[in-house]
Amino acid sequence: MAIYKLFSTKDTFIYTEKQLANLGRDELLEVGGYHNSGGGQTLRTLIKFDTTEIQDIINNKANGGNVQTNLHMYLNYANELPIDFDVNCYPISEDWDEGSGKFGDTPTNRTGASWNYKNAGAANHWTTGSFPTYVTASFESTVLGGGTWYTGSNDSSLEAVQSFNKTSDLDLDIDITSGVLMHYSESLDNNGFILKLPDSLENNLSASIRLKYYGNDTNTIYPPSLDIKWDDYIHSSTLSEINDPEVVVSIRNNKGKYTDEGKQRFRVHARPKYPARTFTTSSAYTVNYTLPTASYWGLKDENTEEMVFDYDNTFTKISADNTSNYFDIYMDGIQPERYYRLLIKTEIDGTTTIIDNDQVFKVVRNG
């Protein structure tokens, strides 16, 4: 497989309406700028992924190669969105505590990061004065805090942006490769990432822009993930490439159940539906072919029908050797106790075909 989902180790959101409140165990994470009777308010999300796990995936699964990393978060709710807007993401420059608070806790929970403070017990104010090089923050003079973040390094920008319009899927899928690679190399302390609207949309007095995403404490199947992607495509085969759109494609080594550890290689067999007649001592139906190089695999959640891994021209391209086509999936990179459906997309003689042969498997938790 060339995509691995790494799930967050901690997350929370902070907001100006309750400057001391911690939301570290809330099921949802919010980003926004809204108005209430107290005036303009701001919501920002903090999220972190483990450095050791990032290093293990890049070193031992991607073999130290070039990777792309995307922060992926599923939308729960959106309100009063502009026609066009951005969500910004930056590496956080100070360490913070997740805490155990939830939205609406009474009395106010102070067990972790809040708008004013980065640590439990309302300790250690977020820096609001003199910043080191490439570190910044944005805040109102009356509501000091809101996190601090890196905007760049000596040779690159660390700002990541996802742009939306009225037709956009509002799930987040932000390329944060620059920041993650600096966490990987430990040239930047890994304090996670902050998600926010542009300054012009925060502290909003004319609208109530709110984006709510599932956090790592959700009781759904939609926790946030860091999708680490790399190109593992190899095509080195003496088999003939099939060019008949009437094709039979099968996956013959699907065991149906896998533990949530290790890598599974799926073998893809292809042949013409109606083989040409030849004089031979073996059946034409046993001759294997390779699919065209424009062939990709996908993985769908069997119950929700959400694409867990969508077809990608680079990262889910199907490889081939002298035995057959194949692709790899790391079972510890997807959620256990779920059923998944294998799909194949291929283009033959100008025709794009999605192949669904009811190839379903379950990932079970080991121990």
Protein backbone atom coordinates (compact mmCIF):
# COMPACT_ATOMS: atom_id res chain seq x y z
CA MET A 1 0.00 0.00 0.00
CA ALA A 2 1.10 3.53 -0.60
CA ILE A 3 -1.26 5.23 1.85
CA TYR A 4 -1.10 4.80 5.61
CA LYS A 5 -3.57 6.38 8.03
CA LEU A 6 -2.00 7.54 11.28
CA PHE A 7 -4.48 8.59 13.96
CA SER A 8 -3.93 11.55 16.27
CA THR A 9 -2.52 11.23 19.78
CA LYS A 10 -4.26 14.32 21.13
CA ASP A 11 -6.58 17.09 19.99
CA THR A 12 -8.76 19.86 21.35
CA PHE A 13 -10.25 23.18 20.32
CA ILE A 14 -9.98 26.56 21.98
CA TYR A 15 -12.28 29.57 21.77
CA THR A 16 -12.62 33.15 22.92
CA GLU A 17 -16.14 32.88 24.30
CA LYS A 18 -14.78 30.82 27.22
CA GLN A 19 -11.13 31.73 27.42
CA LEU A 20 -10.27 29.31 30.27
CA ALA A 21 -12.29 26.30 29.05
CA ASN A 22 -10.63 23.07 27.99
CA LEU A 23 -12.33 20.79 25.39
CA GLY A 24 -9.78 17.98 25.22
CA ARG A 25 -12.34 15.14 25.42
CA ASP A 26 -15.03 16.67 23.25
CA GLU A 27 -16.20 14.49 20.35
CA LEU A 28 -16.01 17.44 17.94
CA LEU A 29 -13.30 19.90 16.92
CA GLU A 30 -14.30 23.39 15.81
CA VAL A 31 -12.90 26.08 13.54
CA GLY A 32 -14.71 29.35 13.02
CA GLY A 33 -15.50 32.99 13.58
CA TYR A 34 -18.93 33.89 14.89
CA HIS A 35 -20.99 36.61 16.60
CA ASN A 36 -23.00 36.45 19.80
CA SER A 37 -24.20 38.89 22.43
CA GLY A 38 -20.62 39.16 23.70
CA GLY A 39 -19.34 40.32 20.30
CA GLY A 40 -17.07 38.63 17.78
CA GLN A 41 -15.70 35.20 18.74
CA THR A 42 -13.05 32.81 17.37
CA LEU A 43 -12.63 29.00 17.34
CA ARG A 44 -9.35 27.17 16.61
CA THR A 45 -8.40 23.47 16.66
CA LEU A 46 -5.15 21.93 17.95
CA ILE A 47 -4.12 18.42 16.86
CA LYS A 48 -0.97 16.30 17.17
CA PHE A 49 0.44 13.07 15.66
CA ASP A 50 3.24 11.05 17.25
CA THR A 51 6.80 11.72 16.00
CA THR A 52 8.00 8.14 16.56
CA GLU A 53 5.11 6.74 14.54
CA ILE A 54 5.74 9.21 11.71
CA GLN A 55 9.41 8.22 11.64
CA ASP A 56 8.55 4.50 11.67
CA ILE A 57 6.15 4.79 8.73
CA ILE A 58 8.53 6.87 6.60
CA ASN A 59 11.64 4.83 7.45
CA ASN A 60 10.25 1.30 7.52
CA LYS A 61 7.21 1.34 5.27
CA ALA A 62 8.00 4.08 2.75
CA ASN A 63 11.68 3.05 2.90
CA GLY A 64 12.77 6.61 3.59
CA GLY A 65 11.40 7.77 0.25
CA ASN A 66 9.52 10.87 -0.78
CA VAL A 67 6.17 11.15 0.96
CA GLN A 68 3.15 13.41 0.87
CA THR A 69 1.20 13.90 4.09
CA ASN A 70 -2.36 15.18 4.32
CA LEU A 71 -4.36 16.05 7.42
CA HIS A 72 -7.77 14.47 6.85
CA MET A 73 -10.83 15.37 8.93
CA TYR A 74 -14.49 14.54 8.36
CA LEU A 75 -17.13 17.27 8.60
CA ASN A 76 -19.94 16.92 11.12
CA TYR A 77 -21.64 20.31 10.74
CA ALA A 78 -21.18 23.64 8.95
CA ASN A 79 -22.94 26.97 9.44
CA GLU A 80 -23.12 30.28 7.51
CA LEU A 81 -20.15 29.61 5.28
CA PRO A 82 -18.97 32.22 2.78
CA ILE A 83 -19.16 31.23 -0.90
CA ASP A 84 -15.35 31.13 -0.99
CA PHE A 85 -13.12 30.72 2.05
CA ASP A 86 -9.87 29.12 3.26
CA VAL A 87 -8.84 27.05 6.25
CA ASN A 88 -5.23 27.59 7.33
CA CYS A 89 -2.95 25.11 9.09
CA TYR A 90 0.42 25.76 10.80
CA PRO A 91 2.83 23.79 13.03
CA ILE A 92 2.33 24.84 16.66
CA SER A 93 5.42 26.36 18.30
CA GLU A 94 4.64 25.61 21.98
CA ASP A 95 3.73 22.40 23.79
CA TRP A 96 0.20 22.05 25.17
CA ASP A 97 -1.92 19.67 27.25
CA GLU A 98 -4.94 17.94 25.76
CA GLY A 99 -7.02 17.91 28.95
CA SER A 100 -10.30 16.14 29.69
CA GLY A 101 -12.89 18.87 29.22
CA LYS A 102 -16.04 18.90 27.10
CA PHE A 103 -18.13 21.68 25.59
CA GLY A 104 -20.58 23.03 28.15
CA ASP A 105 -18.80 21.65 31.23
CA THR A 106 -19.94 23.32 34.46
CA PRO A 107 -17.88 24.40 36.27
CA THR A 108 -15.35 25.27 33.56
CA ASN A 109 -12.86 22.45 33.02
CA ARG A 110 -9.24 23.66 33.26
CA THR A 111 -7.38 20.36 32.82
CA GLY A 112 -5.63 21.33 29.58
CA ALA A 113 -5.12 23.92 26.87
CA SER A 114 -7.57 26.80 26.58
CA TRP A 115 -7.62 30.06 24.68
CA ASN A 116 -5.55 31.77 27.38
CA TYR A 117 -3.31 28.96 28.60
CA LYS A 118 -1.40 26.07 27.07
CA ASN A 119 -1.16 23.78 30.11
CA ALA A 120 -3.43 22.24 32.75
CA GLY A 121 -4.59 24.26 35.71
CA ALA A 122 -4.60 27.53 33.75
CA ALA A 123 -0.80 27.48 33.77
CA ASN A 124 1.66 28.96 31.28
CA HIS A 125 0.03 31.58 29.10
CA TRP A 126 0.41 31.25 25.35
CA THR A 127 3.15 33.67 24.26
CA THR A 128 1.65 36.99 23.23
CA GLY A 129 4.67 39.27 23.24
CA SER A 130 8.03 38.99 21.53
CA PHE A 131 8.20 36.02 19.15
CA PRO A 132 11.23 34.13 17.83
CA THR A 133 11.97 34.22 14.10
CA TYR A 134 9.21 32.63 11.98
CA VAL A 135 6.86 32.32 14.98
CA THR A 136 3.66 34.32 15.17
CA ALA A 137 0.15 34.43 16.61
CA SER A 138 -2.97 36.49 16.09
CA PHE A 139 -5.14 37.66 18.94
CA GLU A 140 -7.21 40.54 20.16
CA SER A 141 -5.74 42.77 22.86
CA THR A 142 -8.66 41.95 25.16
CA VAL A 143 -8.48 38.15 24.65
CA LEU A 144 -4.79 37.32 24.78
CA GLY A 145 -3.86 33.80 23.73
CA GLY A 146 -5.14 31.51 20.99
CA GLY A 147 -1.96 29.50 20.36
CA THR A 148 1.31 30.29 18.61
CA TRP A 149 2.62 28.81 15.37
CA TYR A 150 5.43 28.68 12.85
CA THR A 151 4.88 30.48 9.56
CA GLY A 152 8.05 29.22 7.85
CA SER A 153 11.68 28.19 8.12
CA ASN A 154 14.90 29.36 6.51
CA ASP A 155 14.02 27.79 3.18
CA SER A 156 10.27 27.09 3.06
CA SER A 157 6.81 28.25 4.05
CA LEU A 158 5.04 26.21 6.70
CA GLU A 159 1.61 27.63 5.95
CA ALA A 160 -0.81 25.06 4.55
CA VAL A 161 -4.12 26.18 3.03
CA GLN A 162 -7.23 24.43 1.79
CA SER A 163 -9.60 26.54 -0.30
CA PHE A 164 -13.34 25.90 -0.47
CA ASN A 165 -16.20 27.16 -2.61
CA LYS A 166 -19.96 26.57 -2.71
CA THR A 167 -19.59 23.20 -4.47
CA SER A 168 -16.75 21.85 -2.30
CA ASP A 169 -16.79 18.74 -0.22
CA LEU A 170 -16.19 20.32 3.19
CA ASP A 171 -14.06 17.50 4.57
CA LEU A 172 -10.53 18.70 5.32
CA ASP A 173 -7.70 17.23 3.27
CA ILE A 174 -4.79 19.64 3.75
CA ASP A 175 -1.29 18.93 2.45
CA ILE A 176 0.95 19.56 5.49
CA THR A 177 4.03 17.77 4.14
CA SER A 178 6.50 20.59 4.92
CA GLY A 179 5.64 20.68 8.61
CA VAL A 180 5.45 16.90 9.02
CA LEU A 181 8.87 16.39 7.40
CA MET A 182 10.39 18.88 9.83
CA HIS A 183 8.79 16.90 12.69
CA TYR A 184 10.14 13.71 11.10
CA SER A 185 13.71 15.07 10.94
CA GLU A 186 13.31 16.66 14.40
CA SER A 187 14.47 19.97 12.98
CA LEU A 188 11.23 21.35 14.43
CA ASP A 189 9.74 20.33 17.78
CA ASN A 190 6.53 18.41 17.16
CA ASN A 191 3.81 20.28 19.03
CA GLY A 192 1.17 19.40 16.46
CA PHE A 193 -0.80 21.71 14.18
CA ILE A 194 -3.31 24.53 14.59
CA LEU A 195 -6.30 24.96 12.28
CA LYS A 196 -7.89 28.38 11.91
CA LEU A 197 -9.77 30.62 9.56
CA PRO A 198 -7.95 33.61 8.02
CA ASP A 199 -7.74 36.58 10.39
CA SER A 200 -10.39 38.43 8.36
CA LEU A 201 -13.03 35.79 9.16
CA GLU A 202 -12.21 35.30 12.82
CA ASN A 203 -13.70 37.53 15.55
CA ASN A 204 -16.67 37.80 13.20
CA LEU A 205 -19.33 40.47 13.74
CA SER A 206 -21.51 39.83 10.69
CA ALA A 207 -21.84 36.02 10.45
CA SER A 208 -21.59 32.86 12.51
CA ILE A 209 -19.12 30.73 10.57
CA ARG A 210 -18.66 27.38 12.31
CA LEU A 211 -17.07 24.19 11.01
CA LYS A 212 -17.34 21.14 13.27
CA TYR A 213 -15.16 18.09 12.58
CA TYR A 214 -15.01 14.70 14.27
CA GLY A 215 -12.16 14.44 16.80
CA ASN A 216 -10.26 11.43 18.12
CA ASP A 217 -12.83 10.99 20.90
CA THR A 218 -15.67 10.47 18.43
CA ASN A 219 -17.83 7.37 18.84
CA THR A 220 -18.12 7.21 15.04
CA ILE A 221 -15.76 5.73 12.43
CA TYR A 222 -14.55 9.21 11.39
CA PRO A 223 -11.57 10.17 13.59
CA PRO A 224 -9.01 12.59 12.11
CA SER A 225 -5.96 11.06 10.47
CA LEU A 226 -2.61 11.95 9.00
CA ASP A 227 -2.60 10.25 5.59
CA ILE A 228 1.03 9.44 4.72
CA LYS A 229 1.38 8.63 1.00
CA TRP A 230 4.23 7.38 -1.12
CA ASP A 231 4.71 5.98 -4.62
CA ASP A 232 5.31 2.22 -4.42
CA TYR A 233 4.43 1.51 -8.07
CA ILE A 234 6.57 -1.12 -9.85
CA HIS A 235 5.74 -2.51 -13.29
CA SER A 236 8.21 -5.19 -14.33
CA SER A 237 6.38 -8.02 -16.06
CA THR A 238 6.75 -10.34 -19.04
CA LEU A 239 2.98 -10.94 -19.11
CA SER A 240 0.97 -9.53 -22.00
CA GLU A 241 -1.15 -6.46 -21.32
CA ILE A 242 -4.84 -6.99 -21.85
CA ASN A 243 -6.45 -4.70 -24.44
CA ASP A 244 -9.95 -6.19 -24.62
CA PRO A 245 -12.58 -4.16 -22.70
CA GLU A 246 -14.49 -7.44 -22.18
CA VAL A 247 -12.25 -8.50 -19.29
CA VAL A 248 -12.56 -10.79 -16.28
CA VAL A 249 -10.70 -9.47 -13.23
CA SER A 250 -10.45 -11.32 -9.93
CA ILE A 251 -8.60 -11.17 -6.61
CA ARG A 252 -7.82 -14.76 -5.73
CA ASN A 253 -6.00 -14.53 -2.41
CA ASN A 254 -8.45 -12.55 -0.28
CA LYS A 255 -8.60 -14.47 3.02
CA GLY A 256 -11.66 -12.56 4.21
CA LYS A 257 -10.27 -11.72 7.66
CA TYR A 258 -7.02 -10.05 8.79
CA THR A 259 -5.60 -8.85 12.09
CA ASP A 260 -4.75 -5.17 12.41
CA GLU A 261 -1.02 -5.66 11.87
CA GLY A 262 1.40 -6.12 9.01
CA LYS A 263 1.03 -5.91 5.25
CA GLN A 264 -1.16 -7.94 2.93
CA ARG A 265 -0.40 -8.26 -0.80
CA PHE A 266 -3.47 -8.74 -2.96
CA ARG A 267 -2.96 -10.51 -6.30
CA VAL A 268 -5.07 -9.33 -9.25
CA HIS A 269 -5.67 -11.76 -12.11
CA ALA A 270 -6.98 -10.59 -15.50
CA ARG A 271 -7.96 -12.38 -18.72
CA PRO A 272 -10.22 -11.72 -21.70
CA LYS A 273 -13.82 -12.75 -21.14
CA TYR A 274 -13.78 -14.48 -24.50
CA PRO A 275 -10.23 -15.68 -25.25
CA ALA A 276 -9.22 -16.10 -28.88
CA ARG A 277 -9.10 -19.70 -30.07
CA THR A 278 -5.61 -21.17 -30.26
CA PHE A 279 -4.13 -24.62 -30.75
CA THR A 280 -2.63 -25.37 -27.34
CA THR A 281 -2.49 -28.13 -24.76
CA SER A 282 -3.64 -25.83 -21.93
CA SER A 283 -6.84 -23.85 -21.40
CA ALA A 284 -6.88 -20.27 -22.67
CA TYR A 285 -8.82 -19.40 -19.53
CA THR A 286 -5.76 -20.04 -17.34
CA VAL A 287 -3.50 -17.56 -19.16
CA ASN A 288 -2.94 -14.49 -17.03
CA TYR A 289 -2.53 -10.93 -18.33
CA THR A 290 -1.65 -7.60 -16.78
CA LEU A 291 -4.05 -4.72 -16.61
CA PRO A 292 -3.08 -1.48 -18.39
CA THR A 293 -0.75 0.78 -16.43
CA ALA A 294 -3.70 3.17 -15.91
CA SER A 295 -5.17 0.86 -13.25
CA TYR A 296 -5.81 1.74 -9.62
CA TRP A 297 -7.18 0.13 -6.46
CA GLY A 298 -9.61 1.63 -3.99
CA LEU A 299 -10.96 0.65 -0.57
CA LYS A 300 -14.52 1.34 0.57
CA ASP A 301 -16.06 0.96 4.02
CA GLU A 302 -18.66 -1.76 3.52
CA ASN A 303 -21.23 -0.29 5.91
CA THR A 304 -21.00 3.45 5.30
CA GLU A 305 -19.89 3.20 1.64
CA GLU A 306 -17.30 5.92 2.33
CA MET A 307 -14.11 5.59 0.28
CA VAL A 308 -11.37 4.93 2.84
CA PHE A 309 -8.73 5.11 0.10
CA ASP A 310 -9.95 6.66 -3.14
CA TYR A 311 -8.42 5.97 -6.54
CA ASP A 312 -5.25 8.03 -6.94
CA ASN A 313 -3.18 8.34 -10.10
CA THR A 314 0.04 8.14 -8.07
CA PHE A 315 -0.59 6.58 -4.69
CA THR A 316 -2.96 3.67 -5.49
CA LYS A 317 -1.52 2.62 -8.83
CA ILE A 318 -1.53 -1.16 -9.32
CA SER A 319 1.89 -2.79 -9.75
CA ALA A 320 2.82 -5.86 -11.80
CA ASP A 321 5.44 -8.63 -11.81
CA ASN A 322 5.79 -11.87 -13.78
CA THR A 323 3.04 -13.52 -11.72
CA SER A 324 0.26 -10.92 -11.90
CA ASN A 325 -0.80 -7.42 -10.97
CA TYR A 326 -0.72 -6.69 -7.24
CA PHE A 327 -1.09 -4.03 -4.55
CA ASP A 328 -0.33 -3.88 -0.81
CA ILE A 329 -2.44 -2.77 2.14
CA TYR A 330 -1.07 -2.24 5.66
CA MET A 331 -3.76 -3.61 7.94
CA ASP A 332 -2.52 -1.58 10.92
CA GLY A 333 -3.17 1.57 8.88
CA ILE A 334 -6.96 1.14 8.82
CA GLN A 335 -9.52 0.88 11.61
CA PRO A 336 -10.14 -2.59 13.08
CA GLU A 337 -13.51 -4.26 13.56
CA ARG A 338 -14.73 -2.96 10.19
CA TYR A 339 -15.57 -4.59 6.87
CA TYR A 340 -13.92 -3.23 3.73
CA ARG A 341 -14.61 -3.72 0.00
CA LEU A 342 -11.80 -3.90 -2.59
CA LEU A 343 -12.40 -2.06 -5.86
CA ILE A 344 -10.37 -1.70 -9.05
CA LYS A 345 -10.52 1.09 -11.60
CA THR A 346 -8.94 0.53 -15.02
CA GLU A 347 -8.93 2.09 -18.47
CA ILE A 348 -8.94 -0.29 -21.45
CA ASP A 349 -9.24 0.86 -25.06
CA GLY A 350 -10.48 4.31 -23.97
CA THR A 351 -13.14 2.90 -21.63
CA THR A 352 -12.91 3.47 -17.87
CA THR A 353 -14.34 0.61 -15.81
CA ILE A 354 -14.91 0.17 -12.08
CA ILE A 355 -14.61 -3.50 -11.14
CA ASP A 356 -16.51 -4.67 -8.06
CA ASN A 357 -16.45 -8.44 -7.51
CA ASP A 358 -17.83 -8.41 -3.96
CA GLN A 359 -14.32 -8.74 -2.55
CA VAL A 360 -14.93 -7.92 1.12
CA PHE A 361 -12.68 -8.51 4.11
CA LYS A 362 -12.77 -7.72 7.82
CA VAL A 363 -9.96 -6.31 9.93
CA VAL A 364 -10.05 -7.61 13.51
CA ARG A 365 -8.25 -6.24 16.53
CA ASN A 366 -5.25 -8.33 17.54
CA GLY A 367 -5.60 -9.13 21.21
